[in-house]
Amino acid sequence: MADVWAWLLFFFILISLLVMVVFQLMCLSDLEFDYINPYDSASRINGVVLPEFITQGVLCLLYLITGHWVMSLLCVPYMYYNYRFLIGSISRIILSHFNLSFFPRKMG
């Protein structure tokens, strides 16, 4: 019965991670269609990055605690990427590095 509760907890944590990723994609699509300015989009995305990293870390830690070794090993590369991203110099979206020409303008 404990495994059922653990997998339910894992499921809801994964759903929360998906919601955070979808929110970031929605911010980028709003930026693409000019519904939001780049400063607001960057601040919204920057506000979600750290909670996403923490949630992923908690999920990996829970996999380790509950003995799901294969799932925790699958989390390790992503956790390493998050660590390098957070410690590195590009831990946030900086507007001077934001290439607005990436999004093609729609004429008409």
Protein backbone atom coordinates (compact mmCIF):
# COMPACT_ATOMS: atom_id res chain seq x y z
CA MET A 1 0.00 0.00 0.00
CA ALA A 2 2.92 2.31 0.65
CA ASP A 3 4.03 1.92 -2.97
CA VAL A 4 0.64 3.12 -4.17
CA TRP A 5 0.87 6.26 -2.04
CA ALA A 6 4.44 6.85 -3.16
CA TRP A 7 3.51 6.56 -6.84
CA LEU A 8 0.56 8.89 -6.34
CA LEU A 9 2.89 11.42 -4.74
CA PHE A 10 5.34 11.01 -7.61
CA PHE A 11 2.52 11.42 -10.11
CA PHE A 12 1.35 14.71 -8.62
CA ILE A 13 4.91 16.04 -8.43
CA LEU A 14 5.38 15.17 -12.12
CA ILE A 15 2.11 16.92 -12.96
CA SER A 16 3.34 20.04 -11.14
CA LEU A 17 6.57 19.93 -13.15
CA LEU A 18 4.57 19.67 -16.37
CA VAL A 19 2.44 22.64 -15.33
CA MET A 20 5.59 24.72 -14.77
CA VAL A 21 6.97 23.79 -18.20
CA VAL A 22 3.64 24.56 -19.89
CA PHE A 23 3.55 27.93 -18.11
CA GLN A 24 6.99 28.76 -19.49
CA LEU A 25 5.91 27.73 -22.98
CA MET A 26 2.78 29.87 -22.68
CA CYS A 27 4.93 32.86 -21.71
CA LEU A 28 7.12 32.31 -24.76
CA SER A 29 4.12 31.95 -27.06
CA ASP A 30 2.61 35.15 -25.63
CA LEU A 31 5.92 36.83 -26.38
CA GLU A 32 5.90 35.45 -29.91
CA PHE A 33 2.45 36.88 -30.66
CA ASP A 34 3.25 40.22 -28.96
CA TYR A 35 0.69 39.81 -26.20
CA ILE A 36 3.36 40.54 -23.59
CA ASN A 37 6.56 42.54 -23.59
CA PRO A 38 9.97 40.84 -23.18
CA TYR A 39 10.54 42.24 -19.68
CA ASP A 40 7.34 40.74 -18.29
CA SER A 41 7.96 37.44 -20.05
CA ALA A 42 11.50 37.19 -18.67
CA SER A 43 10.38 38.04 -15.14
CA ARG A 44 7.60 35.44 -15.26
CA ILE A 45 9.90 32.73 -16.56
CA ASN A 46 12.66 33.63 -14.08
CA GLY A 47 10.14 33.31 -11.25
CA VAL A 48 9.37 29.71 -12.20
CA VAL A 49 12.91 28.43 -12.82
CA LEU A 50 14.02 27.98 -9.21
CA PRO A 51 10.78 26.29 -8.03
CA GLU A 52 11.09 23.92 -10.99
CA PHE A 53 14.65 23.01 -9.97
CA ILE A 54 13.61 22.51 -6.35
CA THR A 55 10.65 20.33 -7.33
CA GLN A 56 12.86 18.19 -9.56
CA GLY A 57 15.37 17.83 -6.70
CA VAL A 58 12.64 16.79 -4.27
CA LEU A 59 11.37 14.23 -6.77
CA CYS A 60 14.85 12.74 -7.22
CA LEU A 61 15.37 12.66 -3.45
CA LEU A 62 12.02 10.91 -2.95
CA TYR A 63 12.99 8.33 -5.55
CA LEU A 64 16.20 7.68 -3.61
CA ILE A 65 14.45 7.46 -0.24
CA THR A 66 11.78 5.05 -1.47
CA GLY A 67 14.28 2.79 -3.21
CA HIS A 68 13.26 3.40 -6.81
CA TRP A 69 16.84 3.24 -8.06
CA VAL A 70 16.17 3.17 -11.80
CA MET A 71 13.96 6.27 -11.63
CA SER A 72 16.51 8.08 -9.48
CA LEU A 73 19.27 7.17 -11.95
CA LEU A 74 17.14 8.59 -14.75
CA CYS A 75 16.86 11.86 -12.78
CA VAL A 76 20.61 12.24 -12.28
CA PRO A 77 21.52 13.72 -15.73
CA TYR A 78 18.72 16.28 -15.48
CA MET A 79 19.75 17.16 -11.93
CA TYR A 80 23.34 17.64 -13.11
CA TYR A 81 22.12 19.91 -15.90
CA ASN A 82 20.05 21.92 -13.41
CA TYR A 83 23.04 22.21 -11.09
CA ARG A 84 25.30 23.43 -13.90
CA PHE A 85 22.60 25.81 -15.11
CA LEU A 86 22.01 27.26 -11.64
CA ILE A 87 25.67 27.59 -10.69
CA GLY A 88 26.69 28.83 -14.13
CA SER A 89 26.48 32.36 -15.38
CA ILE A 90 23.22 31.86 -17.30
CA SER A 91 20.87 31.03 -14.45
CA ARG A 92 18.30 33.59 -15.57
CA ILE A 93 16.96 35.01 -18.79
CA ILE A 94 18.79 38.27 -19.41
CA LEU A 95 17.09 40.57 -21.87
CA SER A 96 20.31 41.78 -23.44
CA HIS A 97 20.90 38.17 -24.52
CA PHE A 98 17.32 37.65 -25.60
CA ASN A 99 17.22 37.37 -29.37
CA LEU A 100 13.90 38.83 -30.46
CA SER A 101 14.65 38.11 -34.09
CA PHE A 102 14.15 34.42 -33.29
CA PHE A 103 10.41 34.95 -33.53
CA PRO A 104 9.46 35.81 -37.10
CA ARG A 105 7.02 38.67 -37.55
CA LYS A 106 3.68 37.82 -39.04
CA MET A 107 2.62 40.26 -41.72
CA GLY A 108 -1.05 40.93 -42.15
